Amino acid sequence: MKKCYLFLLFIIVVTLVGCAENPALIGLNEEVQESPDGNESEPAVGESHSVSGPPDVHVGIDEESTLVVLDVWCWKEESLCNLEPNPPQEQLYGSPPLRVKPGEEFSFAIATTGIPESDHIYSPDEIELTQIRLSEENEVEVNNSNITAPMEKGRYYYSMKLKWDGDVVGQAYYVFGIIVQ
């Protein structure tokens, strides 16, 4: 009988833990506004965006690439789009970084899985790149989609902010990591 109670207790604990929201994923899901008729796939009245989601970003060198995670994003007017990126170390935990040499250039590319209504999605109006190592953050210059690796060896995380102010209005944050060897 005691084994039966322990088994029942085990099943209850597993069910409760399995149904709990994963704290590592909080803030990673997009916020979907319901339209007045309850259809979530259509934009709300007054909301102007011509694409359903931000593009994919690919980071690599030659044939090697790394995981780039879409952090947070929105397609709204700038005054309403007030995003704060999540720590890249948490989002990339366990993901292998891109291996580069000191001072080596690597690049990024923007692509979409569908056909956007505007080609403007491929050319953001502003790109801000922040390099994070330990607790130190530095702005990094981007030259024609090329990024130069630091000279000091070690693991670096990057937070990339893309902003659109033309046909598409909004912003998106992406994160990726490199290791300088």
N, C-alpha and C. Protein backbone atom coordinates (compact mmCIF):
# COMPACT_ATOMS: atom_id res chain seq x y z
N MET A 1 0.82 -1.19 0.00
CA MET A 1 0.00 0.00 0.00
C MET A 1 0.87 1.26 0.00
N LYS A 2 1.97 1.20 0.76
CA LYS A 2 2.88 2.34 0.84
C LYS A 2 3.49 2.63 -0.54
N LYS A 3 3.79 1.59 -1.31
CA LYS A 3 4.32 1.75 -2.65
C LYS A 3 3.31 2.43 -3.56
N CYS A 4 2.06 2.12 -3.37
CA CYS A 4 0.99 2.73 -4.17
C CYS A 4 0.93 4.24 -3.92
N TYR A 5 1.03 4.66 -2.64
CA TYR A 5 1.01 6.08 -2.30
C TYR A 5 2.24 6.80 -2.87
N LEU A 6 3.40 6.17 -2.78
CA LEU A 6 4.60 6.76 -3.34
C LEU A 6 4.50 6.91 -4.85
N PHE A 7 3.97 5.89 -5.51
CA PHE A 7 3.79 5.95 -6.96
C PHE A 7 2.82 7.06 -7.33
N LEU A 8 1.71 7.18 -6.61
CA LEU A 8 0.73 8.23 -6.86
C LEU A 8 1.34 9.62 -6.64
N LEU A 9 2.11 9.77 -5.58
CA LEU A 9 2.79 11.03 -5.30
C LEU A 9 3.78 11.37 -6.41
N PHE A 10 4.51 10.39 -6.87
CA PHE A 10 5.45 10.58 -7.98
C PHE A 10 4.74 11.05 -9.24
N ILE A 11 3.63 10.45 -9.58
CA ILE A 11 2.85 10.83 -10.77
C ILE A 11 2.35 12.26 -10.64
N ILE A 12 1.89 12.67 -9.48
CA ILE A 12 1.39 14.02 -9.26
C ILE A 12 2.53 15.04 -9.42
N VAL A 13 3.69 14.75 -8.84
CA VAL A 13 4.83 15.66 -8.94
C VAL A 13 5.27 15.79 -10.39
N VAL A 14 5.37 14.69 -11.11
CA VAL A 14 5.79 14.72 -12.52
C VAL A 14 4.79 15.53 -13.34
N THR A 15 3.51 15.36 -13.08
CA THR A 15 2.48 16.10 -13.81
C THR A 15 2.58 17.59 -13.54
N LEU A 16 2.76 17.97 -12.28
CA LEU A 16 2.85 19.39 -11.94
C LEU A 16 4.10 20.03 -12.52
N VAL A 17 5.23 19.35 -12.47
CA VAL A 17 6.47 19.88 -13.02
C VAL A 17 6.38 19.95 -14.54
N GLY A 18 5.80 18.97 -15.17
CA GLY A 18 5.67 18.94 -16.62
C GLY A 18 4.75 20.02 -17.15
N CYS A 19 3.77 20.42 -16.39
CA CYS A 19 2.81 21.44 -16.83
C CYS A 19 3.23 22.85 -16.46
N ALA A 20 4.27 23.00 -15.67
CA ALA A 20 4.72 24.33 -15.26
C ALA A 20 5.38 25.04 -16.43
N GLU A 21 5.27 26.37 -16.47
CA GLU A 21 5.90 27.15 -17.52
C GLU A 21 7.40 27.19 -17.29
N ASN A 22 8.16 26.96 -18.36
CA ASN A 22 9.61 26.96 -18.28
C ASN A 22 10.11 28.39 -18.10
N PRO A 23 10.75 28.73 -16.96
CA PRO A 23 11.19 30.11 -16.74
C PRO A 23 12.25 30.56 -17.73
N ALA A 24 12.96 29.64 -18.35
CA ALA A 24 13.98 30.03 -19.33
C ALA A 24 13.35 30.55 -20.62
N LEU A 25 12.07 30.23 -20.84
CA LEU A 25 11.41 30.65 -22.07
C LEU A 25 10.56 31.89 -21.90
N ILE A 26 10.44 32.40 -20.70
CA ILE A 26 9.63 33.59 -20.46
C ILE A 26 10.24 34.76 -21.21
N GLY A 27 9.44 35.48 -21.97
CA GLY A 27 9.92 36.62 -22.73
C GLY A 27 10.40 36.25 -24.12
N LEU A 28 10.50 34.96 -24.43
CA LEU A 28 10.96 34.57 -25.76
C LEU A 28 9.82 34.45 -26.75
N ASN A 29 8.62 34.26 -26.25
CA ASN A 29 7.47 34.11 -27.13
C ASN A 29 6.98 35.47 -27.57
N GLU A 30 6.52 35.51 -28.81
CA GLU A 30 5.99 36.77 -29.30
C GLU A 30 4.64 37.06 -28.65
N GLU A 31 4.34 38.33 -28.50
CA GLU A 31 3.05 38.72 -27.99
C GLU A 31 2.12 38.86 -29.17
N VAL A 32 0.99 38.16 -29.12
CA VAL A 32 0.02 38.20 -30.20
C VAL A 32 -1.20 38.95 -29.71
N GLN A 33 -1.57 40.00 -30.44
CA GLN A 33 -2.76 40.75 -30.08
C GLN A 33 -3.93 40.16 -30.83
N GLU A 34 -5.00 39.97 -30.11
CA GLU A 34 -6.20 39.47 -30.75
C GLU A 34 -6.93 40.61 -31.43
N SER A 35 -7.43 40.33 -32.62
CA SER A 35 -8.25 41.32 -33.29
C SER A 35 -9.64 41.30 -32.66
N PRO A 36 -10.48 42.30 -32.93
CA PRO A 36 -11.79 42.36 -32.30
C PRO A 36 -12.65 41.12 -32.54
N ASP A 37 -12.45 40.43 -33.68
CA ASP A 37 -13.25 39.23 -33.93
C ASP A 37 -12.63 37.97 -33.35
N GLY A 38 -11.48 38.08 -32.65
CA GLY A 38 -10.88 36.95 -31.97
C GLY A 38 -9.90 36.17 -32.82
N ASN A 39 -9.67 36.58 -34.06
CA ASN A 39 -8.74 35.87 -34.93
C ASN A 39 -7.33 36.39 -34.68
N GLU A 40 -6.45 35.54 -34.15
CA GLU A 40 -5.10 35.96 -33.78
C GLU A 40 -4.17 36.11 -34.96
N SER A 41 -4.48 35.50 -36.10
CA SER A 41 -3.55 35.53 -37.22
C SER A 41 -3.60 36.84 -38.00
N GLU A 42 -4.64 37.64 -37.80
CA GLU A 42 -4.74 38.91 -38.49
C GLU A 42 -4.28 40.04 -37.60
N PRO A 43 -3.61 41.06 -38.15
CA PRO A 43 -3.21 42.18 -37.32
C PRO A 43 -4.41 42.95 -36.81
N ALA A 44 -4.27 43.55 -35.63
CA ALA A 44 -5.35 44.33 -35.06
C ALA A 44 -5.57 45.58 -35.89
N VAL A 45 -6.75 46.15 -35.82
CA VAL A 45 -7.08 47.35 -36.57
C VAL A 45 -6.13 48.47 -36.17
N GLY A 46 -5.60 49.17 -37.15
CA GLY A 46 -4.68 50.27 -36.88
C GLY A 46 -3.23 49.83 -36.80
N GLU A 47 -2.99 48.54 -36.76
CA GLU A 47 -1.62 48.04 -36.68
C GLU A 47 -1.10 47.91 -38.10
N SER A 48 0.06 48.49 -38.40
CA SER A 48 0.57 48.48 -39.77
C SER A 48 1.88 47.72 -39.85
N HIS A 49 1.80 46.51 -40.32
CA HIS A 49 3.02 45.80 -40.68
C HIS A 49 2.72 44.86 -41.82
N SER A 50 3.70 44.70 -42.70
CA SER A 50 3.46 43.94 -43.91
C SER A 50 4.06 42.54 -43.86
N VAL A 51 4.66 42.16 -42.75
CA VAL A 51 5.22 40.82 -42.62
C VAL A 51 4.72 40.21 -41.32
N SER A 52 4.68 38.90 -41.25
CA SER A 52 4.15 38.24 -40.07
C SER A 52 5.17 38.14 -38.95
N GLY A 53 6.44 38.12 -39.27
CA GLY A 53 7.46 38.01 -38.24
C GLY A 53 8.78 38.53 -38.76
N PRO A 54 9.74 38.70 -37.88
CA PRO A 54 11.04 39.21 -38.31
C PRO A 54 11.79 38.17 -39.14
N PRO A 55 12.78 38.62 -39.89
CA PRO A 55 13.55 37.68 -40.71
C PRO A 55 14.49 36.84 -39.86
N ASP A 56 15.06 35.83 -40.49
CA ASP A 56 16.09 35.02 -39.84
C ASP A 56 17.43 35.71 -40.06
N VAL A 57 18.32 35.55 -39.09
CA VAL A 57 19.68 36.07 -39.23
C VAL A 57 20.62 34.88 -39.15
N HIS A 58 21.56 34.80 -40.07
CA HIS A 58 22.55 33.73 -40.11
C HIS A 58 23.93 34.36 -39.91
N VAL A 59 24.72 33.78 -39.01
CA VAL A 59 26.07 34.27 -38.74
C VAL A 59 27.06 33.14 -39.01
N GLY A 60 28.13 33.46 -39.75
CA GLY A 60 29.11 32.42 -40.03
C GLY A 60 30.35 32.95 -40.72
N ILE A 61 31.23 32.00 -41.00
CA ILE A 61 32.46 32.27 -41.71
C ILE A 61 32.72 31.08 -42.62
N ASP A 62 32.94 31.35 -43.89
CA ASP A 62 33.11 30.30 -44.89
C ASP A 62 31.92 29.35 -44.82
N GLU A 63 32.17 28.07 -44.55
CA GLU A 63 31.10 27.07 -44.51
C GLU A 63 30.57 26.83 -43.10
N GLU A 64 31.19 27.42 -42.09
CA GLU A 64 30.80 27.21 -40.70
C GLU A 64 29.84 28.30 -40.26
N SER A 65 28.81 27.92 -39.49
CA SER A 65 27.86 28.90 -38.98
C SER A 65 27.53 28.57 -37.53
N THR A 66 26.80 29.46 -36.88
CA THR A 66 26.42 29.27 -35.49
C THR A 66 24.94 29.54 -35.32
N LEU A 67 24.42 29.12 -34.19
CA LEU A 67 23.01 29.35 -33.86
C LEU A 67 22.79 30.83 -33.57
N VAL A 68 21.78 31.41 -34.20
CA VAL A 68 21.36 32.78 -33.92
C VAL A 68 19.92 32.69 -33.42
N VAL A 69 19.70 33.19 -32.20
CA VAL A 69 18.39 33.08 -31.56
C VAL A 69 17.67 34.42 -31.67
N LEU A 70 16.42 34.37 -32.13
CA LEU A 70 15.57 35.55 -32.12
C LEU A 70 15.13 35.76 -30.68
N ASP A 71 15.49 36.89 -30.10
CA ASP A 71 15.19 37.17 -28.69
C ASP A 71 13.79 37.75 -28.56
N VAL A 72 13.62 39.04 -28.77
CA VAL A 72 12.32 39.70 -28.69
C VAL A 72 12.16 40.60 -29.91
N TRP A 73 10.90 40.88 -30.30
CA TRP A 73 10.65 41.71 -31.47
C TRP A 73 9.25 42.29 -31.42
N CYS A 74 9.04 43.33 -32.22
CA CYS A 74 7.69 43.87 -32.38
C CYS A 74 7.60 44.64 -33.69
N TRP A 75 6.41 44.68 -34.24
CA TRP A 75 6.11 45.46 -35.44
C TRP A 75 5.12 46.54 -35.04
N LYS A 76 5.62 47.62 -34.48
CA LYS A 76 4.77 48.73 -34.06
C LYS A 76 5.52 50.02 -34.26
N GLU A 77 4.84 51.12 -34.06
CA GLU A 77 5.51 52.41 -34.13
C GLU A 77 6.59 52.47 -33.06
N GLU A 78 7.67 53.20 -33.32
CA GLU A 78 8.82 53.26 -32.43
C GLU A 78 8.44 53.62 -30.99
N SER A 79 7.52 54.55 -30.82
CA SER A 79 7.16 54.97 -29.46
C SER A 79 6.48 53.84 -28.69
N LEU A 80 5.85 52.91 -29.39
CA LEU A 80 5.18 51.79 -28.73
C LEU A 80 6.08 50.56 -28.60
N CYS A 81 7.18 50.54 -29.33
CA CYS A 81 8.06 49.39 -29.38
C CYS A 81 9.21 49.62 -28.40
N ASN A 82 9.03 49.22 -27.17
CA ASN A 82 10.01 49.49 -26.12
C ASN A 82 10.54 48.15 -25.61
N LEU A 83 11.52 47.59 -26.29
CA LEU A 83 12.01 46.25 -25.98
C LEU A 83 13.29 46.28 -25.15
N GLU A 84 13.43 45.32 -24.30
CA GLU A 84 14.67 45.10 -23.55
C GLU A 84 15.12 43.68 -23.86
N PRO A 85 16.36 43.51 -24.35
CA PRO A 85 16.83 42.16 -24.68
C PRO A 85 17.08 41.33 -23.42
N ASN A 86 16.96 40.04 -23.57
CA ASN A 86 17.26 39.10 -22.50
C ASN A 86 18.75 38.78 -22.53
N PRO A 87 19.33 38.31 -21.41
CA PRO A 87 20.76 37.98 -21.40
C PRO A 87 21.08 36.85 -22.39
N PRO A 88 22.02 37.08 -23.30
CA PRO A 88 22.34 36.06 -24.30
C PRO A 88 22.92 34.79 -23.70
N GLN A 89 23.62 34.90 -22.57
CA GLN A 89 24.21 33.72 -21.95
C GLN A 89 23.13 32.69 -21.61
N GLU A 90 21.97 33.16 -21.16
CA GLU A 90 20.89 32.25 -20.80
C GLU A 90 20.25 31.63 -22.04
N GLN A 91 20.10 32.40 -23.10
CA GLN A 91 19.44 31.90 -24.30
C GLN A 91 20.31 30.94 -25.10
N LEU A 92 21.62 31.09 -24.98
CA LEU A 92 22.55 30.27 -25.75
C LEU A 92 23.19 29.17 -24.93
N TYR A 93 22.71 28.96 -23.71
CA TYR A 93 23.30 27.95 -22.83
C TYR A 93 23.32 26.59 -23.53
N GLY A 94 24.50 26.00 -23.62
CA GLY A 94 24.66 24.68 -24.22
C GLY A 94 24.81 24.70 -25.73
N SER A 95 24.71 25.85 -26.37
CA SER A 95 24.85 25.94 -27.83
C SER A 95 26.32 26.17 -28.18
N PRO A 96 26.83 25.47 -29.17
CA PRO A 96 28.23 25.68 -29.54
C PRO A 96 28.41 27.03 -30.24
N PRO A 97 29.43 27.80 -29.86
CA PRO A 97 29.68 29.10 -30.50
C PRO A 97 30.42 28.93 -31.82
N LEU A 98 30.45 29.99 -32.60
CA LEU A 98 31.23 30.03 -33.84
C LEU A 98 32.70 30.15 -33.46
N ARG A 99 33.56 29.31 -34.03
CA ARG A 99 34.99 29.34 -33.73
C ARG A 99 35.69 30.24 -34.75
N VAL A 100 36.39 31.26 -34.21
CA VAL A 100 37.11 32.22 -35.06
C VAL A 100 38.51 32.45 -34.51
N LYS A 101 39.35 33.03 -35.35
CA LYS A 101 40.71 33.39 -34.94
C LYS A 101 40.71 34.86 -34.51
N PRO A 102 41.68 35.27 -33.71
CA PRO A 102 41.75 36.68 -33.30
C PRO A 102 41.81 37.62 -34.51
N GLY A 103 40.94 38.63 -34.53
CA GLY A 103 40.92 39.60 -35.62
C GLY A 103 40.28 39.12 -36.91
N GLU A 104 39.80 37.89 -36.95
CA GLU A 104 39.19 37.35 -38.16
C GLU A 104 37.80 37.96 -38.38
N GLU A 105 37.43 38.15 -39.65
CA GLU A 105 36.11 38.68 -39.96
C GLU A 105 35.12 37.54 -40.16
N PHE A 106 33.94 37.73 -39.62
CA PHE A 106 32.82 36.83 -39.89
C PHE A 106 31.65 37.71 -40.29
N SER A 107 30.62 37.13 -40.87
CA SER A 107 29.54 37.95 -41.42
C SER A 107 28.18 37.42 -41.02
N PHE A 108 27.18 38.26 -41.26
CA PHE A 108 25.80 37.85 -41.03
C PHE A 108 24.99 38.11 -42.29
N ALA A 109 23.90 37.38 -42.43
CA ALA A 109 22.99 37.55 -43.56
C ALA A 109 21.57 37.51 -43.03
N ILE A 110 20.70 38.26 -43.68
CA ILE A 110 19.29 38.33 -43.30
C ILE A 110 18.48 37.61 -44.37
N ALA A 111 17.60 36.71 -43.95
CA ALA A 111 16.78 35.93 -44.88
C ALA A 111 15.40 35.71 -44.27
N THR A 112 14.44 35.40 -45.10
CA THR A 112 13.10 35.06 -44.61
C THR A 112 12.71 33.69 -45.15
N THR A 113 11.84 33.02 -44.42
CA THR A 113 11.38 31.71 -44.87
C THR A 113 10.24 31.85 -45.87
N GLY A 114 9.52 32.95 -45.83
CA GLY A 114 8.42 33.19 -46.77
C GLY A 114 8.76 34.33 -47.70
N ILE A 115 7.80 34.73 -48.48
CA ILE A 115 7.99 35.85 -49.40
C ILE A 115 7.38 37.09 -48.73
N PRO A 116 8.25 38.05 -48.33
CA PRO A 116 7.71 39.24 -47.67
C PRO A 116 7.04 40.16 -48.68
N GLU A 117 6.11 40.98 -48.21
CA GLU A 117 5.44 41.95 -49.08
C GLU A 117 6.38 43.09 -49.46
N SER A 118 7.46 43.27 -48.69
CA SER A 118 8.40 44.35 -48.96
C SER A 118 9.82 43.82 -48.88
N ASP A 119 10.66 44.25 -49.83
CA ASP A 119 12.08 43.88 -49.79
C ASP A 119 12.82 44.65 -48.71
N HIS A 120 12.16 45.64 -48.12
CA HIS A 120 12.76 46.46 -47.06
C HIS A 120 13.16 45.60 -45.85
N ILE A 121 12.54 44.44 -45.68
CA ILE A 121 12.84 43.56 -44.55
C ILE A 121 14.29 43.08 -44.60
N TYR A 122 14.88 42.97 -45.79
CA TYR A 122 16.25 42.50 -45.93
C TYR A 122 17.28 43.58 -45.59
N SER A 123 16.85 44.83 -45.54
CA SER A 123 17.76 45.95 -45.28
C SER A 123 17.25 46.79 -44.12
N PRO A 124 17.59 46.41 -42.88
CA PRO A 124 17.15 47.23 -41.75
C PRO A 124 17.75 48.63 -41.84
N ASP A 125 17.04 49.61 -41.30
CA ASP A 125 17.51 51.00 -41.32
C ASP A 125 18.63 51.23 -40.32
N GLU A 126 18.67 50.41 -39.28
CA GLU A 126 19.70 50.58 -38.26
C GLU A 126 20.08 49.21 -37.70
N ILE A 127 21.39 49.01 -37.51
CA ILE A 127 21.90 47.78 -36.91
C ILE A 127 22.80 48.17 -35.75
N GLU A 128 22.46 47.71 -34.56
CA GLU A 128 23.28 47.96 -33.37
C GLU A 128 23.77 46.60 -32.88
N LEU A 129 25.07 46.49 -32.65
CA LEU A 129 25.66 45.24 -32.20
C LEU A 129 26.41 45.48 -30.90
N THR A 130 26.06 44.70 -29.89
CA THR A 130 26.70 44.81 -28.58
C THR A 130 27.43 43.51 -28.28
N GLN A 131 28.71 43.63 -27.94
CA GLN A 131 29.54 42.48 -27.58
C GLN A 131 29.57 42.37 -26.06
N ILE A 132 29.34 41.15 -25.55
CA ILE A 132 29.29 40.93 -24.11
C ILE A 132 30.30 39.86 -23.74
N ARG A 133 31.17 40.20 -22.80
CA ARG A 133 32.13 39.23 -22.28
C ARG A 133 32.20 39.43 -20.77
N LEU A 134 31.90 38.37 -20.04
CA LEU A 134 31.78 38.45 -18.59
C LEU A 134 30.70 39.48 -18.28
N SER A 135 30.99 40.55 -17.58
CA SER A 135 29.95 41.56 -17.32
C SER A 135 30.21 42.84 -18.10
N GLU A 136 31.12 42.80 -19.06
CA GLU A 136 31.51 43.98 -19.82
C GLU A 136 30.78 44.01 -21.17
N GLU A 137 30.16 45.15 -21.50
CA GLU A 137 29.46 45.32 -22.76
C GLU A 137 30.13 46.42 -23.58
N ASN A 138 30.32 46.16 -24.87
CA ASN A 138 30.93 47.13 -25.78
C ASN A 138 30.14 47.17 -27.08
N GLU A 139 29.95 48.39 -27.62
CA GLU A 139 29.34 48.53 -28.93
C GLU A 139 30.36 48.10 -29.98
N VAL A 140 29.90 47.41 -31.01
CA VAL A 140 30.78 46.90 -32.07
C VAL A 140 30.34 47.48 -33.40
N GLU A 141 31.31 47.85 -34.21
CA GLU A 141 31.03 48.41 -35.53
C GLU A 141 30.73 47.29 -36.52
N VAL A 142 29.72 47.52 -37.36
CA VAL A 142 29.35 46.57 -38.40
C VAL A 142 29.64 47.23 -39.74
N ASN A 143 30.47 46.58 -40.57
CA ASN A 143 30.82 47.10 -41.90
C ASN A 143 30.29 46.17 -42.97
N ASN A 144 29.23 46.59 -43.67
CA ASN A 144 28.67 45.79 -44.77
C ASN A 144 28.42 44.34 -44.36
N SER A 145 27.76 44.14 -43.26
CA SER A 145 27.42 42.81 -42.73
C SER A 145 28.63 42.03 -42.25
N ASN A 146 29.79 42.67 -42.08
CA ASN A 146 30.99 42.01 -41.57
C ASN A 146 31.29 42.49 -40.16
N ILE A 147 31.74 41.56 -39.34
CA ILE A 147 32.10 41.84 -37.95
C ILE A 147 33.51 41.31 -37.74
N THR A 148 34.34 42.08 -37.08
CA THR A 148 35.70 41.65 -36.79
C THR A 148 35.77 41.07 -35.38
N ALA A 149 36.34 39.88 -35.28
CA ALA A 149 36.48 39.22 -33.98
C ALA A 149 37.49 39.96 -33.12
N PRO A 150 37.31 39.91 -31.80
CA PRO A 150 38.27 40.55 -30.90
C PRO A 150 39.64 39.87 -30.99
N MET A 151 40.67 40.57 -30.54
CA MET A 151 42.03 40.03 -30.56
C MET A 151 42.29 39.13 -29.34
N GLU A 152 41.57 39.36 -28.26
CA GLU A 152 41.77 38.58 -27.04
C GLU A 152 40.98 37.28 -27.12
N LYS A 153 41.62 36.17 -26.78
CA LYS A 153 40.97 34.87 -26.82
C LYS A 153 39.91 34.76 -25.73
N GLY A 154 38.88 33.96 -26.01
CA GLY A 154 37.82 33.73 -25.04
C GLY A 154 36.47 33.64 -25.72
N ARG A 155 35.42 33.47 -24.90
CA ARG A 155 34.05 33.36 -25.39
C ARG A 155 33.37 34.72 -25.30
N TYR A 156 32.67 35.08 -26.39
CA TYR A 156 31.97 36.35 -26.48
C TYR A 156 30.53 36.09 -26.90
N TYR A 157 29.63 36.90 -26.37
CA TYR A 157 28.23 36.87 -26.76
C TYR A 157 27.91 38.18 -27.45
N TYR A 158 26.98 38.13 -28.40
CA TYR A 158 26.57 39.32 -29.12
C TYR A 158 25.06 39.46 -29.08
N SER A 159 24.61 40.70 -28.90
CA SER A 159 23.19 41.04 -28.99
C SER A 159 23.06 42.00 -30.16
N MET A 160 22.26 41.63 -31.14
CA MET A 160 22.10 42.44 -32.36
C MET A 160 20.69 43.00 -32.41
N LYS A 161 20.59 44.31 -32.55
CA LYS A 161 19.29 44.98 -32.66
C LYS A 161 19.13 45.47 -34.10
N LEU A 162 18.05 45.04 -34.75
CA LEU A 162 17.73 45.50 -36.09
C LEU A 162 16.49 46.39 -35.99
N LYS A 163 16.53 47.55 -36.65
CA LYS A 163 15.39 48.48 -36.65
C LYS A 163 14.98 48.79 -38.08
N TRP A 164 13.67 48.82 -38.30
CA TRP A 164 13.11 49.19 -39.58
C TRP A 164 12.21 50.41 -39.40
N ASP A 165 12.34 51.40 -40.29
CA ASP A 165 11.51 52.61 -40.22
C ASP A 165 10.91 52.97 -41.57
N GLY A 166 10.88 52.05 -42.51
CA GLY A 166 10.36 52.34 -43.85
C GLY A 166 9.03 51.65 -44.08
N ASP A 167 8.97 50.78 -45.11
CA ASP A 167 7.75 50.02 -45.40
C ASP A 167 7.38 49.16 -44.20
N VAL A 168 8.39 48.62 -43.54
CA VAL A 168 8.21 47.82 -42.33
C VAL A 168 8.66 48.69 -41.17
N VAL A 169 7.87 48.74 -40.09
CA VAL A 169 8.23 49.52 -38.92
C VAL A 169 8.28 48.60 -37.72
N GLY A 170 9.44 48.53 -37.07
CA GLY A 170 9.58 47.69 -35.89
C GLY A 170 11.04 47.44 -35.57
N GLN A 171 11.25 46.50 -34.67
CA GLN A 171 12.60 46.14 -34.29
C GLN A 171 12.65 44.71 -33.79
N ALA A 172 13.86 44.15 -33.81
CA ALA A 172 14.06 42.78 -33.35
C ALA A 172 15.46 42.64 -32.76
N TYR A 173 15.57 41.84 -31.70
CA TYR A 173 16.86 41.53 -31.09
C TYR A 173 17.20 40.07 -31.36
N TYR A 174 18.46 39.82 -31.71
CA TYR A 174 18.98 38.49 -31.94
C TYR A 174 20.22 38.31 -31.06
N VAL A 175 20.54 37.06 -30.71
CA VAL A 175 21.75 36.79 -29.95
C VAL A 175 22.51 35.62 -30.57
N PHE A 176 23.84 35.68 -30.46
CA PHE A 176 24.69 34.58 -30.93
C PHE A 176 26.00 34.66 -30.16
N GLY A 177 26.81 33.61 -30.27
CA GLY A 177 28.07 33.56 -29.56
C GLY A 177 29.22 33.14 -30.45
N ILE A 178 30.44 33.58 -30.07
CA ILE A 178 31.66 33.16 -30.75
C ILE A 178 32.69 32.77 -29.70
N ILE A 179 33.68 32.00 -30.13
CA ILE A 179 34.82 31.72 -29.28
C ILE A 179 36.07 32.03 -30.10
N VAL A 180 36.91 32.90 -29.57
CA VAL A 180 38.16 33.28 -30.23
C VAL A 180 39.24 32.35 -29.73
N GLN A 181 39.89 31.63 -30.67
CA GLN A 181 40.91 30.65 -30.30
C GLN A 181 42.25 31.00 -30.88
